[in-house]
Amino acid sequence: MHFDETSFNRTLGVTRLRDCAVPLSSLQASQILPKTLLDSQPTLSAMVQQESSRSSQKEKIKILTEKCDILQRKVRSLNEKVRRRDQNIARCSEIIKHLKEKKFINTEESLILEECAGPEDFLTRQISKSRGLPLEKKYSEELRKFALTLHFYSPKAYEFIRKTYNTCLPHTRTLSKWYQHIDAEPGFTKEAFDTLKRKVKETVHPVICALTLDEMSIRKCLTWKPMAQKLYGRVDLGHDVNSDSVEEASQCLVLLLTAINGSWKLPIGYFLIVSLTGEQKATLVRTAIQLCQVAGVKVISVTCDGLAGNFSMFTSLGCNVLREQTLSNFKRQYSP
């Protein structure tokens, strides 16, 4: 503070400030404080910069926290995917056990499936599918046998396995192609359907046929053919399953096409069997109709005898010939 001369009492060589002294003006901060102390005091601009720096740091911390939360959610999601993948990756033996527990197949059918199971190929396809890797177009021989046998014994079990295990088994249209044989082996004959395709191309009007199926008894006999290195005489559904656990065939199921608007007949396949359930026969009928549709032939009827198994077959196809109001037709399962 600054005082004038009258504000001081100078007596006896001592200078004192009078009690009634009033300051005239205030000194500047630069005149009062030392330079070092003055420099240490924050200015307004410095305080503003510090505040903006703190807010930017808080914003960065908030952004990093959000990123960490997103990454943690991704990690949890990936861990869940890995867990589900590990649960789905199974060997054929485990699949057969699962089907047996679900009562899709019986003990005898499970033994036959174990004979033709290809666990390594099935496991490899599952792992590749779960990782998004490309799959080999060609299926192994063991997996072909397993797929054909499983689909024949229980189409429901086959669809259940395809959905549960990430569609590592082929589509049913692929199975219908595998049923065909050129060398007159049991199954659907490829040459017969090639003949039907040529007939459709050569004919102006649509080719309409009736499908007939029937069993005939055959003598039980096992025959070894050195050229094919194969034992013939056991149950053979076109799957090429040759095992001691397979029974000797006692019947032959034949499927025959008869032209409705023509004068010809053509066997399209045969199967060496002991007996078939209605559902198994229905599977063969559906496959036969699908192959005929692919060849361009329209099947308008299915004819067989009055065995109980055949009534069960029609029930599986969607017909009911036992009630008063007979339902004698069923919908096509496939389109050419």
C-alpha atoms as a PDB file:
ATOM      1  CA  MET A   1       0.000   0.000   0.000  1.00  0.00           C
ATOM      2  CA  HIS A   2       1.167   3.642  -0.583  1.00  0.00           C
ATOM      3  CA  PHE A   3       0.886   6.483   2.052  1.00  0.00           C
ATOM      4  CA  ASP A   4       1.764  10.181   1.829  1.00  0.00           C
ATOM      5  CA  GLU A   5       4.263  11.925   4.139  1.00  0.00           C
ATOM      6  CA  THR A   6       1.628  13.232   6.603  1.00  0.00           C
ATOM      7  CA  SER A   7       0.635   9.667   7.445  1.00  0.00           C
ATOM      8  CA  PHE A   8       3.953   9.061   9.266  1.00  0.00           C
ATOM      9  CA  ASN A   9       4.989  10.194  12.788  1.00  0.00           C
ATOM     10  CA  ARG A  10       8.707  10.913  12.928  1.00  0.00           C
ATOM     11  CA  THR A  11       9.583  11.759  16.529  1.00  0.00           C
ATOM     12  CA  LEU A  12      12.643  10.887  18.528  1.00  0.00           C
ATOM     13  CA  GLY A  13      14.238   9.441  15.418  1.00  0.00           C
ATOM     14  CA  VAL A  14      11.547   6.772  15.070  1.00  0.00           C
ATOM     15  CA  THR A  15       9.178   6.590  12.095  1.00  0.00           C
ATOM     16  CA  ARG A  16       5.700   5.297  12.843  1.00  0.00           C
ATOM     17  CA  LEU A  17       2.493   5.053  10.797  1.00  0.00           C
ATOM     18  CA  ARG A  18      -0.268   7.149  12.285  1.00  0.00           C
ATOM     19  CA  ASP A  19      -3.438   5.353  13.380  1.00  0.00           C
ATOM     20  CA  CYS A  20      -5.613   7.525  11.167  1.00  0.00           C
ATOM     21  CA  ALA A  21      -3.438   7.015   8.089  1.00  0.00           C
ATOM     22  CA  VAL A  22      -5.327   6.244   4.886  1.00  0.00           C
ATOM     23  CA  PRO A  23      -3.561   4.697   1.891  1.00  0.00           C
ATOM     24  CA  LEU A  24      -3.582   6.682  -1.278  1.00  0.00           C
ATOM     25  CA  SER A  25      -3.305   3.788  -3.892  1.00  0.00           C
ATOM     26  CA  SER A  26      -2.573   0.015  -4.280  1.00  0.00           C
ATOM     27  CA  LEU A  27       0.664  -1.184  -5.718  1.00  0.00           C
ATOM     28  CA  GLN A  28       0.739  -3.621  -8.599  1.00  0.00           C
ATOM     29  CA  ALA A  29       1.428  -7.289  -7.876  1.00  0.00           C
ATOM     30  CA  SER A  30       4.701  -6.972  -9.744  1.00  0.00           C
ATOM     31  CA  GLN A  31       5.815  -4.228  -7.273  1.00  0.00           C
ATOM     32  CA  ILE A  32       4.953  -6.277  -4.158  1.00  0.00           C
ATOM     33  CA  LEU A  33       5.789  -9.927  -4.933  1.00  0.00           C
ATOM     34  CA  PRO A  34       9.237 -11.202  -5.792  1.00  0.00           C
ATOM     35  CA  LYS A  35       9.779 -12.207  -9.361  1.00  0.00           C
ATOM     36  CA  THR A  36      10.188 -15.901  -8.533  1.00  0.00           C
ATOM     37  CA  LEU A  37       6.949 -15.931  -6.564  1.00  0.00           C
ATOM     38  CA  LEU A  38       5.189 -13.967  -9.274  1.00  0.00           C
ATOM     39  CA  ASP A  39       6.240 -16.422 -11.942  1.00  0.00           C
ATOM     40  CA  SER A  40       4.945 -19.326  -9.872  1.00  0.00           C
ATOM     41  CA  GLN A  41       1.375 -17.997  -9.729  1.00  0.00           C
ATOM     42  CA  PRO A  42      -0.885 -19.594 -12.452  1.00  0.00           C
ATOM     43  CA  THR A  43      -2.414 -17.297 -14.960  1.00  0.00           C
ATOM     44  CA  LEU A  44      -5.997 -17.569 -16.161  1.00  0.00           C
ATOM     45  CA  SER A  45      -4.976 -19.045 -19.537  1.00  0.00           C
ATOM     46  CA  ALA A  46      -2.876 -21.721 -17.808  1.00  0.00           C
ATOM     47  CA  MET A  47      -5.824 -22.713 -15.616  1.00  0.00           C
ATOM     48  CA  VAL A  48      -8.069 -22.977 -18.662  1.00  0.00           C
ATOM     49  CA  GLN A  49      -5.513 -25.203 -20.405  1.00  0.00           C
ATOM     50  CA  GLN A  50      -5.258 -27.461 -17.353  1.00  0.00           C
ATOM     51  CA  GLU A  51      -9.032 -27.788 -17.169  1.00  0.00           C
ATOM     52  CA  SER A  52      -9.328 -28.632 -20.885  1.00  0.00           C
ATOM     53  CA  SER A  53      -6.506 -31.169 -20.500  1.00  0.00           C
ATOM     54  CA  ARG A  54      -8.361 -32.865 -17.639  1.00  0.00           C
ATOM     55  CA  SER A  55     -11.600 -33.021 -19.658  1.00  0.00           C
ATOM     56  CA  SER A  56      -9.818 -34.490 -22.696  1.00  0.00           C
ATOM     57  CA  GLN A  57      -8.191 -37.126 -20.489  1.00  0.00           C
ATOM     58  CA  LYS A  58     -11.575 -38.016 -19.009  1.00  0.00           C
ATOM     59  CA  GLU A  59     -12.990 -38.334 -22.533  1.00  0.00           C
ATOM     60  CA  LYS A  60     -10.125 -40.618 -23.555  1.00  0.00           C
ATOM     61  CA  ILE A  61     -10.656 -42.768 -20.461  1.00  0.00           C
ATOM     62  CA  LYS A  62     -14.364 -43.016 -21.291  1.00  0.00           C
ATOM     63  CA  ILE A  63     -13.637 -44.073 -24.896  1.00  0.00           C
ATOM     64  CA  LEU A  64     -11.076 -46.670 -23.778  1.00  0.00           C
ATOM     65  CA  THR A  65     -13.521 -48.043 -21.189  1.00  0.00           C
ATOM     66  CA  GLU A  66     -16.209 -48.442 -23.861  1.00  0.00           C
ATOM     67  CA  LYS A  67     -13.728 -50.215 -26.156  1.00  0.00           C
ATOM     68  CA  CYS A  68     -12.739 -52.567 -23.321  1.00  0.00           C
ATOM     69  CA  ASP A  69     -16.419 -53.385 -22.702  1.00  0.00           C
ATOM     70  CA  ILE A  70     -16.950 -54.144 -26.402  1.00  0.00           C
ATOM     71  CA  LEU A  71     -13.862 -56.373 -26.530  1.00  0.00           C
ATOM     72  CA  GLN A  72     -14.925 -58.208 -23.373  1.00  0.00           C
ATOM     73  CA  ARG A  73     -18.335 -58.893 -24.904  1.00  0.00           C
ATOM     74  CA  LYS A  74     -16.639 -60.205 -28.056  1.00  0.00           C
ATOM     75  CA  VAL A  75     -14.405 -62.471 -25.969  1.00  0.00           C
ATOM     76  CA  ARG A  76     -17.432 -63.852 -24.112  1.00  0.00           C
ATOM     77  CA  SER A  77     -19.242 -64.414 -27.412  1.00  0.00           C
ATOM     78  CA  LEU A  78     -16.240 -66.207 -28.947  1.00  0.00           C
ATOM     79  CA  ASN A  79     -15.840 -68.372 -25.845  1.00  0.00           C
ATOM     80  CA  GLU A  80     -19.500 -69.331 -26.125  1.00  0.00           C
ATOM     81  CA  LYS A  81     -19.051 -70.216 -29.808  1.00  0.00           C
ATOM     82  CA  VAL A  82     -16.038 -72.385 -28.977  1.00  0.00           C
ATOM     83  CA  ARG A  83     -18.005 -74.106 -26.225  1.00  0.00           C
ATOM     84  CA  ARG A  84     -20.915 -74.842 -28.574  1.00  0.00           C
ATOM     85  CA  ARG A  85     -18.509 -76.026 -31.282  1.00  0.00           C
ATOM     86  CA  ASP A  86     -16.785 -78.407 -28.874  1.00  0.00           C
ATOM     87  CA  GLN A  87     -20.165 -79.767 -27.852  1.00  0.00           C
ATOM     88  CA  ASN A  88     -21.188 -80.327 -31.481  1.00  0.00           C
ATOM     89  CA  ILE A  89     -17.935 -81.957 -32.567  1.00  0.00           C
ATOM     90  CA  ALA A  90     -18.635 -85.646 -32.089  1.00  0.00           C
ATOM     91  CA  ARG A  91     -17.533 -88.949 -33.453  1.00  0.00           C
ATOM     92  CA  CYS A  92     -19.871 -91.317 -35.249  1.00  0.00           C
ATOM     93  CA  SER A  93     -19.881 -93.727 -32.289  1.00  0.00           C
ATOM     94  CA  GLU A  94     -21.190 -90.927 -30.045  1.00  0.00           C
ATOM     95  CA  ILE A  95     -23.807 -90.020 -32.657  1.00  0.00           C
ATOM     96  CA  ILE A  96     -25.014 -93.625 -32.851  1.00  0.00           C
ATOM     97  CA  LYS A  97     -25.244 -93.746 -29.052  1.00  0.00           C
ATOM     98  CA  HIS A  98     -27.222 -90.485 -29.094  1.00  0.00           C
ATOM     99  CA  LEU A  99     -29.638 -91.843 -31.723  1.00  0.00           C
ATOM    100  CA  LYS A 100     -30.133 -95.006 -29.696  1.00  0.00           C
ATOM    101  CA  GLU A 101     -30.933 -92.966 -26.574  1.00  0.00           C
ATOM    102  CA  LYS A 102     -33.455 -90.926 -28.599  1.00  0.00           C
ATOM    103  CA  LYS A 103     -34.937 -94.262 -29.832  1.00  0.00           C
ATOM    104  CA  PHE A 104     -34.453 -93.333 -33.487  1.00  0.00           C
ATOM    105  CA  ILE A 105     -32.743 -96.694 -34.110  1.00  0.00           C
ATOM    106  CA  ASN A 106     -32.710-100.090 -32.390  1.00  0.00           C
ATOM    107  CA  THR A 107     -29.779-102.221 -31.201  1.00  0.00           C
ATOM    108  CA  GLU A 108     -29.448-104.205 -34.439  1.00  0.00           C
ATOM    109  CA  GLU A 109     -29.414-101.077 -36.590  1.00  0.00           C
ATOM    110  CA  SER A 110     -26.849 -99.429 -34.300  1.00  0.00           C
ATOM    111  CA  LEU A 111     -24.500-102.415 -34.763  1.00  0.00           C
ATOM    112  CA  ILE A 112     -24.758-102.127 -38.559  1.00  0.00           C
ATOM    113  CA  LEU A 113     -24.109 -98.369 -38.412  1.00  0.00           C
ATOM    114  CA  GLU A 114     -21.013 -98.922 -36.262  1.00  0.00           C
ATOM    115  CA  GLU A 115     -19.652-101.278 -38.936  1.00  0.00           C
ATOM    116  CA  CYS A 116     -19.778 -98.582 -41.620  1.00  0.00           C
ATOM    117  CA  ALA A 117     -19.033 -95.481 -39.513  1.00  0.00           C
ATOM    118  CA  GLY A 118     -16.209 -93.197 -40.634  1.00  0.00           C
ATOM    119  CA  PRO A 119     -15.365 -91.141 -37.527  1.00  0.00           C
ATOM    120  CA  GLU A 120     -12.202 -89.443 -38.804  1.00  0.00           C
ATOM    121  CA  ASP A 121     -13.785 -87.973 -41.919  1.00  0.00           C
ATOM    122  CA  PHE A 122     -16.902 -86.899 -40.021  1.00  0.00           C
ATOM    123  CA  LEU A 123     -14.796 -85.203 -37.330  1.00  0.00           C
ATOM    124  CA  THR A 124     -12.623 -83.461 -39.942  1.00  0.00           C
ATOM    125  CA  ARG A 125     -15.664 -82.066 -41.763  1.00  0.00           C
ATOM    126  CA  GLN A 126     -17.143 -80.811 -38.482  1.00  0.00           C
ATOM    127  CA  ILE A 127     -13.964 -78.956 -37.518  1.00  0.00           C
ATOM    128  CA  SER A 128     -13.603 -77.429 -41.005  1.00  0.00           C
ATOM    129  CA  LYS A 129     -17.247 -76.342 -41.027  1.00  0.00           C
ATOM    130  CA  SER A 130     -17.019 -74.755 -37.564  1.00  0.00           C
ATOM    131  CA  ARG A 131     -13.915 -72.785 -38.625  1.00  0.00           C
ATOM    132  CA  GLY A 132     -15.485 -71.611 -41.882  1.00  0.00           C
ATOM    133  CA  LEU A 133     -12.950 -73.502 -44.003  1.00  0.00           C
ATOM    134  CA  PRO A 134     -13.859 -74.958 -47.420  1.00  0.00           C
ATOM    135  CA  LEU A 135     -14.968 -78.592 -47.391  1.00  0.00           C
ATOM    136  CA  GLU A 136     -13.887 -81.326 -49.750  1.00  0.00           C
ATOM    137  CA  LYS A 137     -16.563 -81.996 -52.353  1.00  0.00           C
ATOM    138  CA  LYS A 138     -15.865 -85.724 -52.320  1.00  0.00           C
ATOM    139  CA  TYR A 139     -17.105 -87.714 -49.334  1.00  0.00           C
ATOM    140  CA  SER A 140     -15.114 -90.683 -48.078  1.00  0.00           C
ATOM    141  CA  GLU A 141     -16.389 -94.203 -48.747  1.00  0.00           C
ATOM    142  CA  GLU A 142     -17.003 -94.820 -45.027  1.00  0.00           C
ATOM    143  CA  LEU A 143     -19.044 -91.638 -44.646  1.00  0.00           C
ATOM    144  CA  ARG A 144     -21.091 -92.533 -47.733  1.00  0.00           C
ATOM    145  CA  LYS A 145     -21.967 -95.918 -46.264  1.00  0.00           C
ATOM    146  CA  PHE A 146     -22.829 -94.346 -42.917  1.00  0.00           C
ATOM    147  CA  ALA A 147     -25.072 -91.670 -44.487  1.00  0.00           C
ATOM    148  CA  LEU A 148     -26.915 -94.092 -46.794  1.00  0.00           C
ATOM    149  CA  THR A 149     -27.470 -96.672 -44.055  1.00  0.00           C
ATOM    150  CA  LEU A 150     -28.640 -94.112 -41.491  1.00  0.00           C
ATOM    151  CA  HIS A 151     -31.030 -92.452 -43.958  1.00  0.00           C
ATOM    152  CA  PHE A 152     -32.486 -95.814 -44.967  1.00  0.00           C
ATOM    153  CA  TYR A 153     -33.150 -96.984 -41.410  1.00  0.00           C
ATOM    154  CA  SER A 154     -34.525 -93.644 -40.192  1.00  0.00           C
ATOM    155  CA  PRO A 155     -34.917 -90.471 -42.304  1.00  0.00           C
ATOM    156  CA  LYS A 156     -35.938 -88.610 -39.126  1.00  0.00           C
ATOM    157  CA  ALA A 157     -32.683 -89.600 -37.442  1.00  0.00           C
ATOM    158  CA  TYR A 158     -30.762 -88.470 -40.528  1.00  0.00           C
ATOM    159  CA  GLU A 159     -32.374 -85.012 -40.523  1.00  0.00           C
ATOM    160  CA  PHE A 160     -31.824 -84.776 -36.758  1.00  0.00           C
ATOM    161  CA  ILE A 161     -28.090 -85.455 -37.204  1.00  0.00           C
ATOM    162  CA  ARG A 162     -27.790 -82.940 -40.084  1.00  0.00           C
ATOM    163  CA  LYS A 163     -29.351 -80.176 -37.971  1.00  0.00           C
ATOM    164  CA  THR A 164     -27.546 -81.064 -34.744  1.00  0.00           C
ATOM    165  CA  TYR A 165     -24.060 -81.511 -36.196  1.00  0.00           C
ATOM    166  CA  ASN A 166     -23.860 -78.550 -38.566  1.00  0.00           C
ATOM    167  CA  THR A 167     -24.990 -80.321 -41.772  1.00  0.00           C
ATOM    168  CA  CYS A 168     -21.807 -82.386 -42.056  1.00  0.00           C
ATOM    169  CA  LEU A 169     -23.821 -85.144 -43.727  1.00  0.00           C
ATOM    170  CA  PRO A 170     -24.845 -84.760 -47.396  1.00  0.00           C
ATOM    171  CA  HIS A 171     -28.260 -83.584 -48.572  1.00  0.00           C
ATOM    172  CA  THR A 172     -30.886 -86.222 -49.386  1.00  0.00           C
ATOM    173  CA  ARG A 173     -30.657 -85.321 -53.100  1.00  0.00           C
ATOM    174  CA  THR A 174     -27.009 -86.381 -52.979  1.00  0.00           C
ATOM    175  CA  LEU A 175     -28.029 -89.664 -51.353  1.00  0.00           C
ATOM    176  CA  SER A 176     -30.464 -90.412 -54.187  1.00  0.00           C
ATOM    177  CA  LYS A 177     -27.563 -90.162 -56.663  1.00  0.00           C
ATOM    178  CA  TRP A 178     -25.470 -92.548 -54.556  1.00  0.00           C
ATOM    179  CA  TYR A 179     -28.271 -95.119 -54.659  1.00  0.00           C
ATOM    180  CA  GLN A 180     -27.745 -95.570 -58.400  1.00  0.00           C
ATOM    181  CA  HIS A 181     -25.514 -98.352 -59.750  1.00  0.00           C
ATOM    182  CA  ILE A 182     -24.353 -99.108 -63.285  1.00  0.00           C
ATOM    183  CA  ASP A 183     -22.991-102.586 -62.597  1.00  0.00           C
ATOM    184  CA  ALA A 184     -26.404-104.119 -61.701  1.00  0.00           C
ATOM    185  CA  GLU A 185     -25.553-104.152 -57.995  1.00  0.00           C
ATOM    186  CA  PRO A 186     -28.467-103.885 -55.529  1.00  0.00           C
ATOM    187  CA  GLY A 187     -29.945-100.385 -55.412  1.00  0.00           C
ATOM    188  CA  PHE A 188     -31.421 -98.139 -58.085  1.00  0.00           C
ATOM    189  CA  THR A 189     -29.993 -98.830 -61.533  1.00  0.00           C
ATOM    190  CA  LYS A 190     -28.410 -95.793 -63.158  1.00  0.00           C
ATOM    191  CA  GLU A 191     -28.780 -97.223 -66.665  1.00  0.00           C
ATOM    192  CA  ALA A 192     -32.550 -97.451 -66.146  1.00  0.00           C
ATOM    193  CA  PHE A 193     -32.825 -93.737 -65.355  1.00  0.00           C
ATOM    194  CA  ASP A 194     -30.514 -92.834 -68.235  1.00  0.00           C
ATOM    195  CA  THR A 195     -32.911 -94.765 -70.479  1.00  0.00           C
ATOM    196  CA  LEU A 196     -35.850 -92.841 -69.013  1.00  0.00           C
ATOM    197  CA  LYS A 197     -34.119 -89.521 -69.749  1.00  0.00           C
ATOM    198  CA  ARG A 198     -33.594 -90.524 -73.392  1.00  0.00           C
ATOM    199  CA  LYS A 199     -37.218 -91.644 -73.604  1.00  0.00           C
ATOM    200  CA  VAL A 200     -38.419 -88.267 -72.305  1.00  0.00           C
ATOM    201  CA  LYS A 201     -36.282 -86.396 -74.872  1.00  0.00           C
ATOM    202  CA  GLU A 202     -37.520 -88.545 -77.757  1.00  0.00           C
ATOM    203  CA  THR A 203     -41.216 -88.372 -76.784  1.00  0.00           C
ATOM    204  CA  VAL A 204     -43.398 -85.388 -77.618  1.00  0.00           C
ATOM    205  CA  HIS A 205     -46.028 -86.009 -74.927  1.00  0.00           C
ATOM    206  CA  PRO A 206     -45.242 -86.289 -71.183  1.00  0.00           C
ATOM    207  CA  VAL A 207     -44.100 -89.697 -69.924  1.00  0.00           C
ATOM    208  CA  ILE A 208     -46.569 -90.870 -67.258  1.00  0.00           C
ATOM    209  CA  CYS A 209     -45.902 -94.046 -65.275  1.00  0.00           C
ATOM    210  CA  ALA A 210     -47.120 -96.152 -62.371  1.00  0.00           C
ATOM    211  CA  LEU A 211     -44.691 -97.454 -59.754  1.00  0.00           C
ATOM    212  CA  THR A 212     -45.057-101.066 -58.610  1.00  0.00           C
ATOM    213  CA  LEU A 213     -43.114-102.730 -55.802  1.00  0.00           C
ATOM    214  CA  ASP A 214     -43.181-106.275 -54.503  1.00  0.00           C
ATOM    215  CA  GLU A 215     -41.038-108.782 -52.608  1.00  0.00           C
ATOM    216  CA  MET A 216     -40.095-112.218 -53.892  1.00  0.00           C
ATOM    217  CA  SER A 217     -38.515-115.021 -51.878  1.00  0.00           C
ATOM    218  CA  ILE A 218     -34.951-116.087 -52.658  1.00  0.00           C
ATOM    219  CA  ARG A 219     -32.797-118.912 -51.307  1.00  0.00           C
ATOM    220  CA  LYS A 220     -30.302-118.006 -48.615  1.00  0.00           C
ATOM    221  CA  CYS A 221     -26.826-118.511 -50.003  1.00  0.00           C
ATOM    222  CA  LEU A 222     -23.424-116.841 -49.552  1.00  0.00           C
ATOM    223  CA  THR A 223     -21.246-116.685 -52.670  1.00  0.00           C
ATOM    224  CA  TRP A 224     -17.675-115.381 -52.923  1.00  0.00           C
ATOM    225  CA  LYS A 225     -16.719-113.613 -56.154  1.00  0.00           C
ATOM    226  CA  PRO A 226     -12.927-113.349 -56.568  1.00  0.00           C
ATOM    227  CA  MET A 227     -13.142-110.696 -59.304  1.00  0.00           C
ATOM    228  CA  ALA A 228     -15.058-108.286 -57.061  1.00  0.00           C
ATOM    229  CA  GLN A 229     -13.354-109.512 -53.868  1.00  0.00           C
ATOM    230  CA  LYS A 230     -16.776-109.510 -52.244  1.00  0.00           C
ATOM    231  CA  LEU A 231     -19.143-111.938 -50.529  1.00  0.00           C
ATOM    232  CA  TYR A 232     -22.669-111.880 -51.986  1.00  0.00           C
ATOM    233  CA  GLY A 233     -25.879-113.090 -50.374  1.00  0.00           C
ATOM    234  CA  ARG A 234     -26.264-110.811 -47.362  1.00  0.00           C
ATOM    235  CA  VAL A 235     -28.782-108.005 -46.943  1.00  0.00           C
ATOM    236  CA  ASP A 236     -27.786-105.306 -49.436  1.00  0.00           C
ATOM    237  CA  LEU A 237     -29.600-102.005 -49.845  1.00  0.00           C
ATOM    238  CA  GLY A 238     -27.112-100.516 -52.269  1.00  0.00           C
ATOM    239  CA  HIS A 239     -24.869 -99.218 -49.472  1.00  0.00           C
ATOM    240  CA  ASP A 240     -22.088-101.771 -50.002  1.00  0.00           C
ATOM    241  CA  VAL A 241     -21.987-102.723 -46.311  1.00  0.00           C
ATOM    242  CA  ASN A 242     -20.258-106.106 -46.129  1.00  0.00           C
ATOM    243  CA  SER A 243     -20.055-107.258 -42.513  1.00  0.00           C
ATOM    244  CA  ASP A 244     -20.559-110.476 -40.577  1.00  0.00           C
ATOM    245  CA  SER A 245     -23.204-108.707 -38.493  1.00  0.00           C
ATOM    246  CA  VAL A 246     -25.441-108.363 -41.586  1.00  0.00           C
ATOM    247  CA  GLU A 247     -28.000-111.145 -42.074  1.00  0.00           C
ATOM    248  CA  GLU A 248     -28.322-113.361 -45.123  1.00  0.00           C
ATOM    249  CA  ALA A 249     -31.010-112.066 -47.473  1.00  0.00           C
ATOM    250  CA  SER A 250     -34.187-114.122 -47.884  1.00  0.00           C
ATOM    251  CA  GLN A 251     -36.185-111.739 -50.091  1.00  0.00           C
ATOM    252  CA  CYS A 252     -35.676-109.389 -53.006  1.00  0.00           C
ATOM    253  CA  LEU A 253     -37.686-106.166 -53.206  1.00  0.00           C
ATOM    254  CA  VAL A 254     -38.132-105.047 -56.830  1.00  0.00           C
ATOM    255  CA  LEU A 255     -39.394-101.657 -58.060  1.00  0.00           C
ATOM    256  CA  LEU A 256     -40.917-101.509 -61.547  1.00  0.00           C
ATOM    257  CA  LEU A 257     -42.174 -98.633 -63.708  1.00  0.00           C
ATOM    258  CA  THR A 258     -45.120 -99.245 -66.050  1.00  0.00           C
ATOM    259  CA  ALA A 259     -45.975 -96.672 -68.725  1.00  0.00           C
ATOM    260  CA  ILE A 260     -49.557 -95.365 -68.520  1.00  0.00           C
ATOM    261  CA  ASN A 261     -49.514 -93.657 -71.925  1.00  0.00           C
ATOM    262  CA  GLY A 262     -47.168 -96.186 -73.524  1.00  0.00           C
ATOM    263  CA  SER A 263     -46.595 -99.931 -73.841  1.00  0.00           C
ATOM    264  CA  TRP A 264     -43.410-100.657 -71.908  1.00  0.00           C
ATOM    265  CA  LYS A 265     -42.164-101.663 -68.463  1.00  0.00           C
ATOM    266  CA  LEU A 266     -38.792-100.983 -66.864  1.00  0.00           C
ATOM    267  CA  PRO A 267     -37.283-102.287 -63.581  1.00  0.00           C
ATOM    268  CA  ILE A 268     -35.555 -99.375 -61.881  1.00  0.00           C
ATOM    269  CA  GLY A 269     -33.977-101.117 -58.899  1.00  0.00           C
ATOM    270  CA  TYR A 270     -33.899-104.029 -56.489  1.00  0.00           C
ATOM    271  CA  PHE A 271     -32.850-104.592 -52.867  1.00  0.00           C
ATOM    272  CA  LEU A 272     -31.815-107.771 -51.042  1.00  0.00           C
ATOM    273  CA  ILE A 273     -33.638-107.835 -47.714  1.00  0.00           C
ATOM    274  CA  VAL A 274     -35.017-109.969 -44.892  1.00  0.00           C
ATOM    275  CA  SER A 275     -37.863-107.625 -44.001  1.00  0.00           C
ATOM    276  CA  LEU A 276     -38.475-103.881 -44.085  1.00  0.00           C
ATOM    277  CA  THR A 277     -40.578-101.610 -41.914  1.00  0.00           C
ATOM    278  CA  GLY A 278     -43.216 -99.366 -43.428  1.00  0.00           C
ATOM    279  CA  GLU A 279     -41.052 -96.290 -42.891  1.00  0.00           C
ATOM    280  CA  GLN A 280     -38.080 -97.935 -44.644  1.00  0.00           C
ATOM    281  CA  LYS A 281     -40.238 -98.829 -47.639  1.00  0.00           C
ATOM    282  CA  ALA A 282     -41.594 -95.274 -47.704  1.00  0.00           C
ATOM    283  CA  THR A 283     -38.017 -93.982 -47.867  1.00  0.00           C
ATOM    284  CA  LEU A 284     -37.318 -96.137 -50.937  1.00  0.00           C
ATOM    285  CA  VAL A 285     -40.574 -95.041 -52.613  1.00  0.00           C
ATOM    286  CA  ARG A 286     -39.777 -91.360 -52.038  1.00  0.00           C
ATOM    287  CA  THR A 287     -36.283 -91.841 -53.447  1.00  0.00           C
ATOM    288  CA  ALA A 288     -37.655 -93.676 -56.494  1.00  0.00           C
ATOM    289  CA  ILE A 289     -40.205 -90.926 -57.194  1.00  0.00           C
ATOM    290  CA  GLN A 290     -37.533 -88.255 -56.812  1.00  0.00           C
ATOM    291  CA  LEU A 291     -35.223 -90.015 -59.284  1.00  0.00           C
ATOM    292  CA  CYS A 292     -38.111 -90.377 -61.743  1.00  0.00           C
ATOM    293  CA  GLN A 293     -38.897 -86.669 -61.461  1.00  0.00           C
ATOM    294  CA  VAL A 294     -35.254 -85.803 -62.106  1.00  0.00           C
ATOM    295  CA  ALA A 295     -35.418 -87.985 -65.235  1.00  0.00           C
ATOM    296  CA  GLY A 296     -38.567 -86.133 -66.361  1.00  0.00           C
ATOM    297  CA  VAL A 297     -41.046 -88.955 -65.673  1.00  0.00           C
ATOM    298  CA  LYS A 298     -44.300 -88.286 -63.809  1.00  0.00           C
ATOM    299  CA  VAL A 299     -45.334 -91.026 -61.366  1.00  0.00           C
ATOM    300  CA  ILE A 300     -49.086 -90.923 -60.696  1.00  0.00           C
ATOM    301  CA  SER A 301     -49.629 -94.095 -58.643  1.00  0.00           C
ATOM    302  CA  VAL A 302     -47.941 -96.628 -56.353  1.00  0.00           C
ATOM    303  CA  THR A 303     -49.120-100.243 -56.454  1.00  0.00           C
ATOM    304  CA  CYS A 304     -48.328-103.095 -54.035  1.00  0.00           C
ATOM    305  CA  ASP A 305     -50.013-106.034 -52.289  1.00  0.00           C
ATOM    306  CA  GLY A 306     -51.978-105.890 -49.033  1.00  0.00           C
ATOM    307  CA  LEU A 307     -49.305-106.774 -46.490  1.00  0.00           C
ATOM    308  CA  ALA A 308     -49.397-104.977 -43.143  1.00  0.00           C
ATOM    309  CA  GLY A 309     -45.983-103.469 -43.857  1.00  0.00           C
ATOM    310  CA  ASN A 310     -47.335-101.884 -47.044  1.00  0.00           C
ATOM    311  CA  PHE A 311     -50.251-100.296 -45.164  1.00  0.00           C
ATOM    312  CA  SER A 312     -47.693 -98.885 -42.745  1.00  0.00           C
ATOM    313  CA  MET A 313     -45.703 -97.606 -45.745  1.00  0.00           C
ATOM    314  CA  PHE A 314     -48.724 -95.698 -47.080  1.00  0.00           C
ATOM    315  CA  THR A 315     -49.327 -94.221 -43.623  1.00  0.00           C
ATOM    316  CA  SER A 316     -45.714 -92.986 -43.553  1.00  0.00           C
ATOM    317  CA  LEU A 317     -46.255 -91.438 -46.993  1.00  0.00           C
ATOM    318  CA  GLY A 318     -49.328 -89.554 -45.726  1.00  0.00           C
ATOM    319  CA  CYS A 319     -52.118 -91.861 -46.929  1.00  0.00           C
ATOM    320  CA  ASN A 320     -54.730 -93.678 -44.869  1.00  0.00           C
ATOM    321  CA  VAL A 321     -56.464 -96.601 -46.580  1.00  0.00           C
ATOM    322  CA  LEU A 322     -57.930 -98.142 -43.407  1.00  0.00           C
ATOM    323  CA  ARG A 323     -60.574 -95.578 -42.450  1.00  0.00           C
ATOM    324  CA  GLU A 324     -63.998 -95.090 -44.009  1.00  0.00           C
ATOM    325  CA  GLN A 325     -63.029 -91.926 -45.877  1.00  0.00           C
ATOM    326  CA  THR A 326     -59.989 -93.297 -47.666  1.00  0.00           C
ATOM    327  CA  LEU A 327     -57.106 -90.892 -48.255  1.00  0.00           C
ATOM    328  CA  SER A 328     -55.227 -92.490 -51.140  1.00  0.00           C
ATOM    329  CA  ASN A 329     -52.909 -89.708 -52.283  1.00  0.00           C
ATOM    330  CA  PHE A 330     -49.830 -88.004 -50.871  1.00  0.00           C
ATOM    331  CA  LYS A 331     -47.851 -84.891 -51.700  1.00  0.00           C
ATOM    332  CA  ARG A 332     -44.659 -84.951 -53.705  1.00  0.00           C
ATOM    333  CA  GLN A 333     -41.638 -84.449 -51.477  1.00  0.00           C
ATOM    334  CA  TYR A 334     -39.379 -83.145 -54.247  1.00  0.00           C
ATOM    335  CA  SER A 335     -39.581 -81.181 -57.435  1.00  0.00           C
ATOM    336  CA  PRO A 336     -37.412 -81.898 -60.502  1.00  0.00           C
END
